[in-house]
Amino acid sequence: MRVNVYAEEMTDRVEFVTKTINGRDFVGVRFYLYLPVTVRDSKIGGPDQVQGPFLHDGDGDDDSSAVTFWGKRTLKEALKNAVRMLETHHAAATATD
């Protein structure tokens, strides 16, 4: 399965989640996503991009999209590897500028 998440959908809202199934503990990191939308403000005249949680009116139910990565030590290593790859990519791109 492939899941595409774009930078403009990503937020700083990240949470640690756990659950126990059949006596085994599972650990995850959940990244919340807020779809940016364009709104027009009649007072300023121009369109503006905004984003925020997807909350239902008045009931506090947050249906915001999120991606959860499950794992323990292997998840930590996978995320560290992804950060290293990004740092290498950006360092190479900066060197050629």
PDB file of N, CA and C in Angstrom:
ATOM      1  N   MET A   1       0.839  -1.167   0.000  1.00  0.00           N
ATOM      2  CA  MET A   1       0.000   0.000   0.000  1.00  0.00           C
ATOM      3  C   MET A   1       0.892   1.239   0.000  1.00  0.00           C
ATOM      4  N   ARG A   2       0.496   2.232  -0.745  1.00  0.00           N
ATOM      5  CA  ARG A   2       1.221   3.499  -0.782  1.00  0.00           C
ATOM      6  C   ARG A   2       0.301   4.586  -0.233  1.00  0.00           C
ATOM      7  N   VAL A   3       0.857   5.418   0.629  1.00  0.00           N
ATOM      8  CA  VAL A   3       0.123   6.551   1.182  1.00  0.00           C
ATOM      9  C   VAL A   3       0.937   7.800   0.882  1.00  0.00           C
ATOM     10  N   ASN A   4       0.330   8.753   0.201  1.00  0.00           N
ATOM     11  CA  ASN A   4       1.009  10.012  -0.090  1.00  0.00           C
ATOM     12  C   ASN A   4       0.525  11.078   0.880  1.00  0.00           C
ATOM     13  N   VAL A   5       1.463  11.696   1.580  1.00  0.00           N
ATOM     14  CA  VAL A   5       1.166  12.803   2.485  1.00  0.00           C
ATOM     15  C   VAL A   5       2.027  13.972   2.038  1.00  0.00           C
ATOM     16  N   TYR A   6       1.400  15.093   1.801  1.00  0.00           N
ATOM     17  CA  TYR A   6       2.115  16.257   1.302  1.00  0.00           C
ATOM     18  C   TYR A   6       2.490  17.186   2.457  1.00  0.00           C
ATOM     19  N   ALA A   7       3.615  17.888   2.306  1.00  0.00           N
ATOM     20  CA  ALA A   7       4.150  18.736   3.370  1.00  0.00           C
ATOM     21  C   ALA A   7       3.109  19.728   3.877  1.00  0.00           C
ATOM     22  N   GLU A   8       2.305  20.279   2.979  1.00  0.00           N
ATOM     23  CA  GLU A   8       1.326  21.281   3.421  1.00  0.00           C
ATOM     24  C   GLU A   8       0.180  20.667   4.233  1.00  0.00           C
ATOM     25  N   GLU A   9       0.086  19.344   4.283  1.00  0.00           N
ATOM     26  CA  GLU A   9      -0.914  18.666   5.115  1.00  0.00           C
ATOM     27  C   GLU A   9      -0.361  18.322   6.504  1.00  0.00           C
ATOM     28  N   MET A  10       0.955  18.292   6.626  1.00  0.00           N
ATOM     29  CA  MET A  10       1.575  17.869   7.883  1.00  0.00           C
ATOM     30  C   MET A  10       1.482  18.969   8.927  1.00  0.00           C
ATOM     31  N   THR A  11       1.404  18.559  10.181  1.00  0.00           N
ATOM     32  CA  THR A  11       1.285  19.497  11.296  1.00  0.00           C
ATOM     33  C   THR A  11       2.310  19.132  12.366  1.00  0.00           C
ATOM     34  N   ASP A  12       2.387  19.961  13.371  1.00  0.00           N
ATOM     35  CA  ASP A  12       3.227  19.657  14.535  1.00  0.00           C
ATOM     36  C   ASP A  12       2.477  18.789  15.544  1.00  0.00           C
ATOM     37  N   ARG A  13       1.246  18.438  15.235  1.00  0.00           N
ATOM     38  CA  ARG A  13       0.439  17.621  16.144  1.00  0.00           C
ATOM     39  C   ARG A  13       0.820  16.149  15.966  1.00  0.00           C
ATOM     40  N   VAL A  14       1.593  15.650  16.895  1.00  0.00           N
ATOM     41  CA  VAL A  14       2.088  14.273  16.870  1.00  0.00           C
ATOM     42  C   VAL A  14       1.822  13.692  18.248  1.00  0.00           C
ATOM     43  N   GLU A  15       1.380  12.439  18.285  1.00  0.00           N
ATOM     44  CA  GLU A  15       1.144  11.818  19.591  1.00  0.00           C
ATOM     45  C   GLU A  15       1.640  10.382  19.615  1.00  0.00           C
ATOM     46  N   PHE A  16       1.977   9.943  20.784  1.00  0.00           N
ATOM     47  CA  PHE A  16       2.431   8.589  21.059  1.00  0.00           C
ATOM     48  C   PHE A  16       1.197   7.784  21.443  1.00  0.00           C
ATOM     49  N   VAL A  17       0.972   6.645  20.801  1.00  0.00           N
ATOM     50  CA  VAL A  17      -0.199   5.821  21.104  1.00  0.00           C
ATOM     51  C   VAL A  17       0.233   4.395  21.422  1.00  0.00           C
ATOM     52  N   THR A  18      -0.516   3.757  22.280  1.00  0.00           N
ATOM     53  CA  THR A  18      -0.235   2.362  22.635  1.00  0.00           C
ATOM     54  C   THR A  18      -1.544   1.589  22.663  1.00  0.00           C
ATOM     55  N   LYS A  19      -1.444   0.291  22.448  1.00  0.00           N
ATOM     56  CA  LYS A  19      -2.592  -0.585  22.635  1.00  0.00           C
ATOM     57  C   LYS A  19      -2.078  -1.984  22.930  1.00  0.00           C
ATOM     58  N   THR A  20      -2.903  -2.742  23.626  1.00  0.00           N
ATOM     59  CA  THR A  20      -2.567  -4.118  23.977  1.00  0.00           C
ATOM     60  C   THR A  20      -3.561  -5.040  23.287  1.00  0.00           C
ATOM     61  N   ILE A  21      -3.031  -6.015  22.550  1.00  0.00           N
ATOM     62  CA  ILE A  21      -3.856  -6.998  21.864  1.00  0.00           C
ATOM     63  C   ILE A  21      -3.331  -8.377  22.229  1.00  0.00           C
ATOM     64  N   ASN A  22      -4.203  -9.210  22.758  1.00  0.00           N
ATOM     65  CA  ASN A  22      -3.828 -10.574  23.162  1.00  0.00           C
ATOM     66  C   ASN A  22      -2.593 -10.572  24.060  1.00  0.00           C
ATOM     67  N   GLY A  23      -2.534  -9.624  24.989  1.00  0.00           N
ATOM     68  CA  GLY A  23      -1.434  -9.558  25.936  1.00  0.00           C
ATOM     69  C   GLY A  23      -0.145  -8.959  25.401  1.00  0.00           C
ATOM     70  N   ARG A  24      -0.125  -8.543  24.146  1.00  0.00           N
ATOM     71  CA  ARG A  24       1.081  -7.940  23.562  1.00  0.00           C
ATOM     72  C   ARG A  24       0.877  -6.435  23.444  1.00  0.00           C
ATOM     73  N   ASP A  25       1.893  -5.676  23.835  1.00  0.00           N
ATOM     74  CA  ASP A  25       1.842  -4.217  23.760  1.00  0.00           C
ATOM     75  C   ASP A  25       2.374  -3.734  22.418  1.00  0.00           C
ATOM     76  N   PHE A  26       1.650  -2.814  21.817  1.00  0.00           N
ATOM     77  CA  PHE A  26       2.054  -2.207  20.556  1.00  0.00           C
ATOM     78  C   PHE A  26       2.200  -0.707  20.758  1.00  0.00           C
ATOM     79  N   VAL A  27       3.189  -0.130  20.085  1.00  0.00           N
ATOM     80  CA  VAL A  27       3.528   1.278  20.235  1.00  0.00           C
ATOM     81  C   VAL A  27       3.467   1.934  18.866  1.00  0.00           C
ATOM     82  N   GLY A  28       2.917   3.137  18.825  1.00  0.00           N
ATOM     83  CA  GLY A  28       2.840   3.852  17.558  1.00  0.00           C
ATOM     84  C   GLY A  28       3.072   5.338  17.732  1.00  0.00           C
ATOM     85  N   VAL A  29       3.421   5.971  16.631  1.00  0.00           N
ATOM     86  CA  VAL A  29       3.540   7.424  16.580  1.00  0.00           C
ATOM     87  C   VAL A  29       2.524   7.909  15.553  1.00  0.00           C
ATOM     88  N   ARG A  30       1.611   8.770  15.990  1.00  0.00           N
ATOM     89  CA  ARG A  30       0.532   9.257  15.117  1.00  0.00           C
ATOM     90  C   ARG A  30       0.818  10.697  14.705  1.00  0.00           C
ATOM     91  N   PHE A  31       0.815  10.918  13.401  1.00  0.00           N
ATOM     92  CA  PHE A  31       1.008  12.240  12.817  1.00  0.00           C
ATOM     93  C   PHE A  31      -0.347  12.714  12.288  1.00  0.00           C
ATOM     94  N   TYR A  32      -0.851  13.809  12.819  1.00  0.00           N
ATOM     95  CA  TYR A  32      -2.131  14.347  12.360  1.00  0.00           C
ATOM     96  C   TYR A  32      -1.930  15.202  11.121  1.00  0.00           C
ATOM     97  N   LEU A  33      -2.921  15.158  10.246  1.00  0.00           N
ATOM     98  CA  LEU A  33      -2.881  15.885   8.984  1.00  0.00           C
ATOM     99  C   LEU A  33      -4.061  16.847   8.922  1.00  0.00           C
ATOM    100  N   TYR A  34      -3.798  18.060   8.488  1.00  0.00           N
ATOM    101  CA  TYR A  34      -4.854  19.049   8.295  1.00  0.00           C
ATOM    102  C   TYR A  34      -4.835  19.457   6.834  1.00  0.00           C
ATOM    103  N   LEU A  35      -5.910  19.198   6.135  1.00  0.00           N
ATOM    104  CA  LEU A  35      -6.009  19.564   4.740  1.00  0.00           C
ATOM    105  C   LEU A  35      -6.109  21.079   4.613  1.00  0.00           C
ATOM    106  N   PRO A  36      -5.181  21.703   3.894  1.00  0.00           N
ATOM    107  CA  PRO A  36      -5.291  23.157   3.722  1.00  0.00           C
ATOM    108  C   PRO A  36      -6.445  23.487   2.778  1.00  0.00           C
ATOM    109  N   VAL A  37      -7.128  24.568   3.083  1.00  0.00           N
ATOM    110  CA  VAL A  37      -8.210  25.037   2.224  1.00  0.00           C
ATOM    111  C   VAL A  37      -8.008  26.510   1.931  1.00  0.00           C
ATOM    112  N   THR A  38      -8.538  26.944   0.811  1.00  0.00           N
ATOM    113  CA  THR A  38      -8.467  28.352   0.433  1.00  0.00           C
ATOM    114  C   THR A  38      -9.797  29.002   0.771  1.00  0.00           C
ATOM    115  N   VAL A  39      -9.723  30.095   1.508  1.00  0.00           N
ATOM    116  CA  VAL A  39     -10.931  30.859   1.852  1.00  0.00           C
ATOM    117  C   VAL A  39     -10.770  32.273   1.347  1.00  0.00           C
ATOM    118  N   ARG A  40     -11.880  32.891   1.073  1.00  0.00           N
ATOM    119  CA  ARG A  40     -11.876  34.297   0.654  1.00  0.00           C
ATOM    120  C   ARG A  40     -12.453  35.120   1.786  1.00  0.00           C
ATOM    121  N   ASP A  41     -11.708  36.115   2.187  1.00  0.00           N
ATOM    122  CA  ASP A  41     -12.159  37.029   3.232  1.00  0.00           C
ATOM    123  C   ASP A  41     -12.610  38.309   2.549  1.00  0.00           C
ATOM    124  N   SER A  42     -13.893  38.594   2.625  1.00  0.00           N
ATOM    125  CA  SER A  42     -14.428  39.772   1.931  1.00  0.00           C
ATOM    126  C   SER A  42     -13.833  41.071   2.464  1.00  0.00           C
ATOM    127  N   LYS A  43     -13.305  41.057   3.678  1.00  0.00           N
ATOM    128  CA  LYS A  43     -12.725  42.282   4.258  1.00  0.00           C
ATOM    129  C   LYS A  43     -11.364  42.606   3.662  1.00  0.00           C
ATOM    130  N   ILE A  44     -10.579  41.558   3.324  1.00  0.00           N
ATOM    131  CA  ILE A  44      -9.252  41.824   2.763  1.00  0.00           C
ATOM    132  C   ILE A  44      -9.206  41.571   1.264  1.00  0.00           C
ATOM    133  N   GLY A  45     -10.244  40.908   0.749  1.00  0.00           N
ATOM    134  CA  GLY A  45     -10.373  40.763  -0.691  1.00  0.00           C
ATOM    135  C   GLY A  45      -9.646  39.595  -1.323  1.00  0.00           C
ATOM    136  N   GLY A  46      -8.598  39.099  -0.737  1.00  0.00           N
ATOM    137  CA  GLY A  46      -7.825  38.049  -1.385  1.00  0.00           C
ATOM    138  C   GLY A  46      -8.039  36.692  -0.765  1.00  0.00           C
ATOM    139  N   PRO A  47      -7.697  35.650  -1.510  1.00  0.00           N
ATOM    140  CA  PRO A  47      -7.795  34.299  -0.937  1.00  0.00           C
ATOM    141  C   PRO A  47      -6.672  34.071   0.066  1.00  0.00           C
ATOM    142  N   ASP A  48      -6.941  33.223   1.024  1.00  0.00           N
ATOM    143  CA  ASP A  48      -5.961  32.898   2.048  1.00  0.00           C
ATOM    144  C   ASP A  48      -6.016  31.399   2.299  1.00  0.00           C
ATOM    145  N   GLN A  49      -4.863  30.796   2.562  1.00  0.00           N
ATOM    146  CA  GLN A  49      -4.801  29.370   2.887  1.00  0.00           C
ATOM    147  C   GLN A  49      -4.863  29.209   4.405  1.00  0.00           C
ATOM    148  N   VAL A  50      -5.759  28.353   4.862  1.00  0.00           N
ATOM    149  CA  VAL A  50      -5.876  28.047   6.285  1.00  0.00           C
ATOM    150  C   VAL A  50      -5.941  26.536   6.445  1.00  0.00           C
ATOM    151  N   GLN A  51      -5.631  26.062   7.643  1.00  0.00           N
ATOM    152  CA  GLN A  51      -5.770  24.648   7.947  1.00  0.00           C
ATOM    153  C   GLN A  51      -6.032  24.496   9.425  1.00  0.00           C
ATOM    154  N   GLY A  52      -6.640  23.405   9.805  1.00  0.00           N
ATOM    155  CA  GLY A  52      -6.937  23.144  11.204  1.00  0.00           C
ATOM    156  C   GLY A  52      -7.584  21.790  11.354  1.00  0.00           C
ATOM    157  N   PRO A  53      -7.901  21.408  12.594  1.00  0.00           N
ATOM    158  CA  PRO A  53      -8.518  20.108  12.828  1.00  0.00           C
ATOM    159  C   PRO A  53      -9.923  20.058  12.236  1.00  0.00           C
ATOM    160  N   PHE A  54     -10.365  18.840  11.937  1.00  0.00           N
ATOM    161  CA  PHE A  54     -11.704  18.625  11.396  1.00  0.00           C
ATOM    162  C   PHE A  54     -12.630  18.293  12.560  1.00  0.00           C
ATOM    163  N   LEU A  55     -13.235  19.328  13.131  1.00  0.00           N
ATOM    164  CA  LEU A  55     -14.089  19.175  14.304  1.00  0.00           C
ATOM    165  C   LEU A  55     -15.554  19.261  13.900  1.00  0.00           C
ATOM    166  N   HIS A  56     -16.363  18.390  14.477  1.00  0.00           N
ATOM    167  CA  HIS A  56     -17.807  18.460  14.251  1.00  0.00           C
ATOM    168  C   HIS A  56     -18.381  19.577  15.110  1.00  0.00           C
ATOM    169  N   ASP A  57     -19.435  20.175  14.648  1.00  0.00           N
ATOM    170  CA  ASP A  57     -20.041  21.318  15.345  1.00  0.00           C
ATOM    171  C   ASP A  57     -20.466  20.955  16.750  1.00  0.00           C
ATOM    172  N   GLY A  58     -19.831  21.608  17.718  1.00  0.00           N
ATOM    173  CA  GLY A  58     -20.279  21.566  19.094  1.00  0.00           C
ATOM    174  C   GLY A  58     -20.075  20.288  19.882  1.00  0.00           C
ATOM    175  N   ASP A  59     -19.766  19.165  19.243  1.00  0.00           N
ATOM    176  CA  ASP A  59     -19.682  17.934  20.027  1.00  0.00           C
ATOM    177  C   ASP A  59     -18.249  17.535  20.390  1.00  0.00           C
ATOM    178  N   GLY A  60     -17.251  18.310  19.932  1.00  0.00           N
ATOM    179  CA  GLY A  60     -15.859  18.029  20.288  1.00  0.00           C
ATOM    180  C   GLY A  60     -15.269  16.818  19.600  1.00  0.00           C
ATOM    181  N   ASP A  61     -15.990  16.233  18.653  1.00  0.00           N
ATOM    182  CA  ASP A  61     -15.517  15.047  17.941  1.00  0.00           C
ATOM    183  C   ASP A  61     -14.496  15.464  16.877  1.00  0.00           C
ATOM    184  N   ASP A  62     -13.266  15.040  17.038  1.00  0.00           N
ATOM    185  CA  ASP A  62     -12.193  15.383  16.106  1.00  0.00           C
ATOM    186  C   ASP A  62     -12.015  14.246  15.113  1.00  0.00           C
ATOM    187  N   ASP A  63     -12.380  14.495  13.872  1.00  0.00           N
ATOM    188  CA  ASP A  63     -12.239  13.498  12.812  1.00  0.00           C
ATOM    189  C   ASP A  63     -11.071  13.828  11.888  1.00  0.00           C
ATOM    190  N   SER A  64     -10.056  14.504  12.419  1.00  0.00           N
ATOM    191  CA  SER A  64      -8.898  14.856  11.607  1.00  0.00           C
ATOM    192  C   SER A  64      -8.220  13.597  11.089  1.00  0.00           C
ATOM    193  N   SER A  65      -7.715  13.684   9.876  1.00  0.00           N
ATOM    194  CA  SER A  65      -6.950  12.570   9.319  1.00  0.00           C
ATOM    195  C   SER A  65      -5.642  12.427  10.088  1.00  0.00           C
ATOM    196  N   ALA A  66      -5.134  11.217  10.113  1.00  0.00           N
ATOM    197  CA  ALA A  66      -3.864  10.955  10.779  1.00  0.00           C
ATOM    198  C   ALA A  66      -3.239   9.714  10.161  1.00  0.00           C
ATOM    199  N   VAL A  67      -1.927   9.639  10.278  1.00  0.00           N
ATOM    200  CA  VAL A  67      -1.187   8.445   9.866  1.00  0.00           C
ATOM    201  C   VAL A  67      -0.453   7.950  11.108  1.00  0.00           C
ATOM    202  N   THR A  68      -0.625   6.663  11.420  1.00  0.00           N
ATOM    203  CA  THR A  68       0.035   6.080  12.583  1.00  0.00           C
ATOM    204  C   THR A  68       1.029   5.038  12.110  1.00  0.00           C
ATOM    205  N   PHE A  69       2.261   5.163  12.577  1.00  0.00           N
ATOM    206  CA  PHE A  69       3.315   4.193  12.290  1.00  0.00           C
ATOM    207  C   PHE A  69       3.490   3.343  13.543  1.00  0.00           C
ATOM    208  N   TRP A  70       3.310   2.034  13.389  1.00  0.00           N
ATOM    209  CA  TRP A  70       3.383   1.119  14.521  1.00  0.00           C
ATOM    210  C   TRP A  70       4.725   0.398  14.539  1.00  0.00           C
ATOM    211  N   GLY A  71       5.259   0.207  15.721  1.00  0.00           N
ATOM    212  CA  GLY A  71       6.500  -0.529  15.886  1.00  0.00           C
ATOM    213  C   GLY A  71       7.137  -0.168  17.204  1.00  0.00           C
ATOM    214  N   LYS A  72       8.250  -0.776  17.482  1.00  0.00           N
ATOM    215  CA  LYS A  72       9.000  -0.432  18.694  1.00  0.00           C
ATOM    216  C   LYS A  72      10.380   0.012  18.242  1.00  0.00           C
ATOM    217  N   ARG A  73      11.383  -0.768  18.506  1.00  0.00           N
ATOM    218  CA  ARG A  73      12.743  -0.373  18.116  1.00  0.00           C
ATOM    219  C   ARG A  73      12.896  -0.241  16.609  1.00  0.00           C
ATOM    220  N   THR A  74      12.227  -1.102  15.851  1.00  0.00           N
ATOM    221  CA  THR A  74      12.356  -1.017  14.395  1.00  0.00           C
ATOM    222  C   THR A  74      11.757   0.281  13.858  1.00  0.00           C
ATOM    223  N   LEU A  75      10.689   0.771  14.476  1.00  0.00           N
ATOM    224  CA  LEU A  75      10.104   2.049  14.066  1.00  0.00           C
ATOM    225  C   LEU A  75      11.090   3.184  14.325  1.00  0.00           C
ATOM    226  N   LYS A  76      11.708   3.169  15.482  1.00  0.00           N
ATOM    227  CA  LYS A  76      12.676   4.208  15.824  1.00  0.00           C
ATOM    228  C   LYS A  76      13.814   4.231  14.810  1.00  0.00           C
ATOM    229  N   GLU A  77      14.334   3.080  14.473  1.00  0.00           N
ATOM    230  CA  GLU A  77      15.429   3.012  13.507  1.00  0.00           C
ATOM    231  C   GLU A  77      14.977   3.457  12.114  1.00  0.00           C
ATOM    232  N   ALA A  78      13.762   3.085  11.722  1.00  0.00           N
ATOM    233  CA  ALA A  78      13.253   3.492  10.410  1.00  0.00           C
ATOM    234  C   ALA A  78      13.103   5.012  10.329  1.00  0.00           C
ATOM    235  N   LEU A  79      12.602   5.631  11.389  1.00  0.00           N
ATOM    236  CA  LEU A  79      12.441   7.087  11.396  1.00  0.00           C
ATOM    237  C   LEU A  79      13.799   7.793  11.413  1.00  0.00           C
ATOM    238  N   LYS A  80      14.742   7.265  12.189  1.00  0.00           N
ATOM    239  CA  LYS A  80      16.084   7.853  12.209  1.00  0.00           C
ATOM    240  C   LYS A  80      16.730   7.742  10.836  1.00  0.00           C
ATOM    241  N   ASN A  81      16.555   6.613  10.165  1.00  0.00           N
ATOM    242  CA  ASN A  81      17.110   6.429   8.834  1.00  0.00           C
ATOM    243  C   ASN A  81      16.496   7.422   7.850  1.00  0.00           C
ATOM    244  N   ALA A  82      15.186   7.650   7.943  1.00  0.00           N
ATOM    245  CA  ALA A  82      14.527   8.611   7.058  1.00  0.00           C
ATOM    246  C   ALA A  82      15.087  10.020   7.265  1.00  0.00           C
ATOM    247  N   VAL A  83      15.322  10.409   8.506  1.00  0.00           N
ATOM    248  CA  VAL A  83      15.894  11.733   8.792  1.00  0.00           C
ATOM    249  C   VAL A  83      17.311  11.825   8.237  1.00  0.00           C
ATOM    250  N   ARG A  84      18.102  10.774   8.402  1.00  0.00           N
ATOM    251  CA  ARG A  84      19.458  10.770   7.840  1.00  0.00           C
ATOM    252  C   ARG A  84      19.423  10.916   6.319  1.00  0.00           C
ATOM    253  N   MET A  85      18.513  10.214   5.666  1.00  0.00           N
ATOM    254  CA  MET A  85      18.391  10.306   4.213  1.00  0.00           C
ATOM    255  C   MET A  85      18.015  11.726   3.780  1.00  0.00           C
ATOM    256  N   LEU A  86      17.086  12.355   4.499  1.00  0.00           N
ATOM    257  CA  LEU A  86      16.706  13.739   4.182  1.00  0.00           C
ATOM    258  C   LEU A  86      17.887  14.684   4.367  1.00  0.00           C
ATOM    259  N   GLU A  87      18.624  14.513   5.452  1.00  0.00           N
ATOM    260  CA  GLU A  87      19.784  15.379   5.696  1.00  0.00           C
ATOM    261  C   GLU A  87      20.823  15.210   4.590  1.00  0.00           C
ATOM    262  N   THR A  88      21.074  13.982   4.157  1.00  0.00           N
ATOM    263  CA  THR A  88      22.024  13.731   3.070  1.00  0.00           C
ATOM    264  C   THR A  88      21.547  14.370   1.770  1.00  0.00           C
ATOM    265  N   HIS A  89      20.277  14.218   1.472  1.00  0.00           N
ATOM    266  CA  HIS A  89      19.707  14.806   0.256  1.00  0.00           C
ATOM    267  C   HIS A  89      19.840  16.325   0.262  1.00  0.00           C
ATOM    268  N   HIS A  90      19.477  16.957   1.372  1.00  0.00           N
ATOM    269  CA  HIS A  90      19.531  18.418   1.443  1.00  0.00           C
ATOM    270  C   HIS A  90      20.973  18.937   1.436  1.00  0.00           C
ATOM    271  N   ALA A  91      21.869  18.186   2.044  1.00  0.00           N
ATOM    272  CA  ALA A  91      23.280  18.591   2.020  1.00  0.00           C
ATOM    273  C   ALA A  91      23.818  18.538   0.591  1.00  0.00           C
ATOM    274  N   ALA A  92      23.452  17.503  -0.149  1.00  0.00           N
ATOM    275  CA  ALA A  92      23.913  17.385  -1.547  1.00  0.00           C
ATOM    276  C   ALA A  92      23.287  18.473  -2.408  1.00  0.00           C
ATOM    277  N   ALA A  93      22.027  18.780  -2.203  1.00  0.00           N
ATOM    278  CA  ALA A  93      21.344  19.819  -2.975  1.00  0.00           C
ATOM    279  C   ALA A  93      21.954  21.191  -2.681  1.00  0.00           C
ATOM    280  N   THR A  94      22.303  21.437  -1.438  1.00  0.00           N
ATOM    281  CA  THR A  94      22.924  22.711  -1.055  1.00  0.00           C
ATOM    282  C   THR A  94      24.314  22.843  -1.652  1.00  0.00           C
ATOM    283  N   ALA A  95      25.030  21.736  -1.728  1.00  0.00           N
ATOM    284  CA  ALA A  95      26.397  21.764  -2.271  1.00  0.00           C
ATOM    285  C   ALA A  95      26.425  22.097  -3.749  1.00  0.00           C
ATOM    286  N   THR A  96      25.355  21.771  -4.471  1.00  0.00           N
ATOM    287  CA  THR A  96      25.324  22.040  -5.910  1.00  0.00           C
ATOM    288  C   THR A  96      24.745  23.410  -6.246  1.00  0.00           C
ATOM    289  N   ASP A  97      24.229  24.122  -5.265  1.00  0.00           N
ATOM    290  CA  ASP A  97      23.647  25.468  -5.511  1.00  0.00           C
ATOM    291  C   ASP A  97      24.713  26.520  -5.691  1.00  0.00           C
TER     292      ASP A  97
END
